[in-house]
Each structure stands twice: as C-alpha cells, then as structure tokens.
Amino acid sequence: MEKQWKTTTERQDGITTTTVEPIPQPENQQEITALAYEFWLARGCPDGTPEDDWFRAEEELKNRTRPVLTARASGQ
C-alpha cells in the first residue's frame, strides 16, 4: 500500500504554518484482511473481485466498533 500524506495549514497571529505528515494505516488492517479472507472462503474462493470482500469486511468492522448513541428522554 502506498504511503499517503496529510497536509494541514494553520493561521495564527498572521503566521501560516503548513505541516505534512504521513497518514497511518488503519490499526485494524489485519482484522480487515482476516475477515475479508473468511468472506472469500465462504463464497467458495471465486476468481475476480477481492475488493467486494475487502469493502464488506471494512464495513462490518466499522459497524461493530461504531459507538451506539442513545437519546435520553427529557423529563420536561
């Protein structure tokens, strides 16, 4: 995977500062890889589109780790 970079420009008191820093790879990349492989096996190891399994695994893990927001009922 090619390294990606993030540029941040900030202005404060008339001074402009630009920072370039690498974007870290997802911490859960190994989890995505393992889950995508499981999906591929479950589909019978077909030739073709590994991206389908990869994107499905990303979405599955994102939904698992997404915090659940609950609305609190107002007493008013």
N, C-alpha and C. Protein backbone atom coordinates (compact mmCIF):
# COMPACT_ATOMS: atom_id res chain seq x y z
N MET A 1 0.85 -1.17 0.00
CA MET A 1 0.00 0.00 0.00
C MET A 1 0.90 1.24 0.00
N GLU A 2 0.59 2.16 -0.87
CA GLU A 2 1.37 3.39 -0.98
C GLU A 2 1.09 4.29 0.23
N LYS A 3 2.15 4.88 0.74
CA LYS A 3 2.01 5.78 1.90
C LYS A 3 1.29 7.05 1.46
N GLN A 4 0.33 7.48 2.25
CA GLN A 4 -0.42 8.68 1.96
C GLN A 4 -0.04 9.76 2.95
N TRP A 5 -0.19 11.01 2.51
CA TRP A 5 0.24 12.15 3.32
C TRP A 5 -0.91 13.11 3.54
N LYS A 6 -0.88 13.77 4.68
CA LYS A 6 -1.90 14.75 5.03
C LYS A 6 -1.21 16.10 5.21
N THR A 7 -1.76 17.13 4.60
CA THR A 7 -1.23 18.49 4.73
C THR A 7 -2.21 19.31 5.56
N THR A 8 -1.69 19.97 6.57
CA THR A 8 -2.51 20.82 7.43
C THR A 8 -1.95 22.22 7.40
N THR A 9 -2.79 23.20 7.11
CA THR A 9 -2.36 24.60 7.11
C THR A 9 -3.11 25.31 8.22
N GLU A 10 -2.37 26.05 9.02
CA GLU A 10 -2.95 26.73 10.16
C GLU A 10 -2.47 28.18 10.19
N ARG A 11 -3.38 29.10 10.46
CA ARG A 11 -3.02 30.52 10.58
C ARG A 11 -3.28 30.98 12.00
N GLN A 12 -2.27 31.65 12.55
CA GLN A 12 -2.44 32.18 13.90
C GLN A 12 -1.56 33.41 14.02
N ASP A 13 -2.17 34.51 14.40
CA ASP A 13 -1.46 35.77 14.59
C ASP A 13 -0.68 36.19 13.33
N GLY A 14 -1.27 35.98 12.17
CA GLY A 14 -0.64 36.39 10.92
C GLY A 14 0.45 35.45 10.43
N ILE A 15 0.67 34.34 11.12
CA ILE A 15 1.69 33.36 10.71
C ILE A 15 0.98 32.12 10.18
N THR A 16 1.39 31.70 9.00
CA THR A 16 0.84 30.49 8.39
C THR A 16 1.83 29.35 8.57
N THR A 17 1.36 28.26 9.12
CA THR A 17 2.19 27.08 9.32
C THR A 17 1.58 25.93 8.53
N THR A 18 2.41 25.25 7.73
CA THR A 18 1.97 24.09 6.98
C THR A 18 2.72 22.87 7.48
N THR A 19 1.97 21.84 7.79
CA THR A 19 2.55 20.60 8.28
C THR A 19 2.18 19.47 7.33
N VAL A 20 3.16 18.64 6.99
CA VAL A 20 2.92 17.46 6.16
C VAL A 20 3.31 16.26 7.02
N GLU A 21 2.35 15.33 7.17
CA GLU A 21 2.62 14.15 7.98
C GLU A 21 1.99 12.92 7.34
N PRO A 22 2.59 11.76 7.57
CA PRO A 22 2.02 10.53 6.98
C PRO A 22 0.70 10.18 7.65
N ILE A 23 -0.19 9.62 6.87
CA ILE A 23 -1.46 9.13 7.40
C ILE A 23 -1.22 7.67 7.79
N PRO A 24 -1.43 7.32 9.05
CA PRO A 24 -1.17 5.95 9.47
C PRO A 24 -2.15 4.97 8.83
N GLN A 25 -1.67 3.74 8.58
CA GLN A 25 -2.56 2.71 8.07
C GLN A 25 -3.55 2.36 9.17
N PRO A 26 -4.70 1.88 8.77
CA PRO A 26 -5.70 1.54 9.77
C PRO A 26 -5.13 0.54 10.78
N GLU A 27 -5.41 0.76 12.04
CA GLU A 27 -4.93 -0.14 13.07
C GLU A 27 -5.53 -1.53 12.92
N ASN A 28 -6.70 -1.59 12.37
CA ASN A 28 -7.38 -2.88 12.26
C ASN A 28 -7.19 -3.52 10.89
N GLN A 29 -6.13 -3.18 10.17
CA GLN A 29 -5.93 -3.72 8.83
C GLN A 29 -5.81 -5.24 8.86
N GLN A 30 -5.18 -5.79 9.88
CA GLN A 30 -5.08 -7.25 9.98
C GLN A 30 -6.46 -7.87 10.20
N GLU A 31 -7.29 -7.20 10.97
CA GLU A 31 -8.65 -7.70 11.18
C GLU A 31 -9.44 -7.68 9.87
N ILE A 32 -9.29 -6.60 9.12
CA ILE A 32 -9.98 -6.49 7.83
C ILE A 32 -9.52 -7.61 6.90
N THR A 33 -8.21 -7.82 6.85
CA THR A 33 -7.64 -8.86 5.99
C THR A 33 -8.21 -10.23 6.36
N ALA A 34 -8.21 -10.55 7.65
CA ALA A 34 -8.69 -11.85 8.10
C ALA A 34 -10.18 -12.04 7.80
N LEU A 35 -10.98 -11.01 8.05
CA LEU A 35 -12.41 -11.11 7.80
C LEU A 35 -12.71 -11.20 6.31
N ALA A 36 -12.01 -10.42 5.50
CA ALA A 36 -12.19 -10.48 4.05
C ALA A 36 -11.85 -11.87 3.54
N TYR A 37 -10.82 -12.46 4.09
CA TYR A 37 -10.44 -13.83 3.70
C TYR A 37 -11.55 -14.82 4.06
N GLU A 38 -12.14 -14.66 5.25
CA GLU A 38 -13.25 -15.53 5.65
C GLU A 38 -14.43 -15.38 4.69
N PHE A 39 -14.73 -14.13 4.31
CA PHE A 39 -15.83 -13.90 3.36
C PHE A 39 -15.53 -14.58 2.03
N TRP A 40 -14.29 -14.46 1.57
CA TRP A 40 -13.89 -15.06 0.30
C TRP A 40 -14.03 -16.58 0.37
N LEU A 41 -13.58 -17.19 1.48
CA LEU A 41 -13.72 -18.63 1.65
C LEU A 41 -15.19 -19.03 1.64
N ALA A 42 -16.02 -18.26 2.33
CA ALA A 42 -17.45 -18.56 2.41
C ALA A 42 -18.12 -18.49 1.03
N ARG A 43 -17.55 -17.66 0.15
CA ARG A 43 -18.12 -17.55 -1.20
C ARG A 43 -17.57 -18.62 -2.15
N GLY A 44 -16.74 -19.51 -1.62
CA GLY A 44 -16.23 -20.60 -2.46
C GLY A 44 -14.95 -20.28 -3.18
N CYS A 45 -14.20 -19.29 -2.72
CA CYS A 45 -12.90 -18.90 -3.28
C CYS A 45 -12.96 -18.55 -4.77
N PRO A 46 -13.89 -17.71 -5.17
CA PRO A 46 -14.02 -17.39 -6.59
C PRO A 46 -12.91 -16.47 -7.10
N ASP A 47 -12.65 -16.53 -8.38
CA ASP A 47 -11.76 -15.57 -9.02
C ASP A 47 -12.52 -14.27 -9.17
N GLY A 48 -11.80 -13.19 -9.31
CA GLY A 48 -12.50 -11.96 -9.65
C GLY A 48 -12.29 -10.80 -8.73
N THR A 49 -13.28 -10.50 -7.92
CA THR A 49 -13.33 -9.21 -7.24
C THR A 49 -13.06 -9.31 -5.74
N PRO A 50 -11.79 -9.30 -5.34
CA PRO A 50 -11.48 -9.34 -3.91
C PRO A 50 -11.90 -8.06 -3.19
N GLU A 51 -12.08 -6.99 -3.96
CA GLU A 51 -12.49 -5.71 -3.36
C GLU A 51 -13.84 -5.84 -2.66
N ASP A 52 -14.73 -6.67 -3.23
CA ASP A 52 -16.05 -6.86 -2.62
C ASP A 52 -15.91 -7.37 -1.19
N ASP A 53 -15.06 -8.37 -1.00
CA ASP A 53 -14.86 -8.93 0.33
C ASP A 53 -14.16 -7.93 1.24
N TRP A 54 -13.20 -7.18 0.69
CA TRP A 54 -12.46 -6.19 1.49
C TRP A 54 -13.40 -5.09 2.00
N PHE A 55 -14.20 -4.53 1.08
CA PHE A 55 -15.11 -3.45 1.47
C PHE A 55 -16.18 -3.95 2.44
N ARG A 56 -16.65 -5.17 2.23
CA ARG A 56 -17.64 -5.75 3.14
C ARG A 56 -17.03 -5.92 4.53
N ALA A 57 -15.78 -6.38 4.60
CA ALA A 57 -15.10 -6.56 5.89
C ALA A 57 -14.89 -5.21 6.58
N GLU A 58 -14.47 -4.19 5.81
CA GLU A 58 -14.30 -2.85 6.40
C GLU A 58 -15.60 -2.36 7.01
N GLU A 59 -16.67 -2.50 6.26
CA GLU A 59 -17.98 -2.02 6.72
C GLU A 59 -18.44 -2.79 7.95
N GLU A 60 -18.25 -4.09 7.94
CA GLU A 60 -18.64 -4.94 9.07
C GLU A 60 -17.89 -4.53 10.34
N LEU A 61 -16.59 -4.32 10.23
CA LEU A 61 -15.80 -3.93 11.40
C LEU A 61 -16.13 -2.52 11.86
N LYS A 62 -16.39 -1.63 10.91
CA LYS A 62 -16.75 -0.26 11.27
C LYS A 62 -18.06 -0.26 12.06
N ASN A 63 -19.01 -1.07 11.62
CA ASN A 63 -20.30 -1.14 12.31
C ASN A 63 -20.17 -1.79 13.68
N ARG A 64 -19.23 -2.71 13.84
CA ARG A 64 -19.01 -3.36 15.13
C ARG A 64 -18.42 -2.40 16.15
N THR A 65 -17.54 -1.51 15.68
CA THR A 65 -16.84 -0.63 16.60
C THR A 65 -17.48 0.74 16.73
N ARG A 66 -18.51 1.01 15.94
CA ARG A 66 -19.16 2.31 16.00
C ARG A 66 -19.90 2.45 17.33
N PRO A 67 -19.66 3.53 18.05
CA PRO A 67 -20.37 3.71 19.32
C PRO A 67 -21.87 3.87 19.09
N VAL A 68 -22.61 3.30 19.98
CA VAL A 68 -24.08 3.41 19.88
C VAL A 68 -24.50 4.63 20.68
N LEU A 69 -25.17 5.54 20.00
CA LEU A 69 -25.65 6.76 20.65
C LEU A 69 -27.10 6.55 21.03
N THR A 70 -27.41 6.83 22.25
CA THR A 70 -28.78 6.68 22.69
C THR A 70 -29.31 8.05 23.10
N ALA A 71 -30.55 8.30 22.77
CA ALA A 71 -31.18 9.56 23.15
C ALA A 71 -31.74 9.41 24.55
N ARG A 72 -31.49 10.39 25.36
CA ARG A 72 -32.03 10.39 26.71
C ARG A 72 -33.37 11.13 26.69
N ALA A 73 -34.32 10.52 27.30
CA ALA A 73 -35.64 11.15 27.37
C ALA A 73 -35.56 12.33 28.32
N SER A 74 -36.13 13.43 27.89
CA SER A 74 -36.15 14.63 28.72
C SER A 74 -37.31 14.54 29.69
N GLY A 75 -37.08 14.94 30.91
CA GLY A 75 -38.13 14.92 31.92
C GLY A 75 -39.08 16.09 31.80
N GLN A 76 -38.90 16.92 30.78
CA GLN A 76 -39.73 18.11 30.63
C GLN A 76 -40.86 17.89 29.67
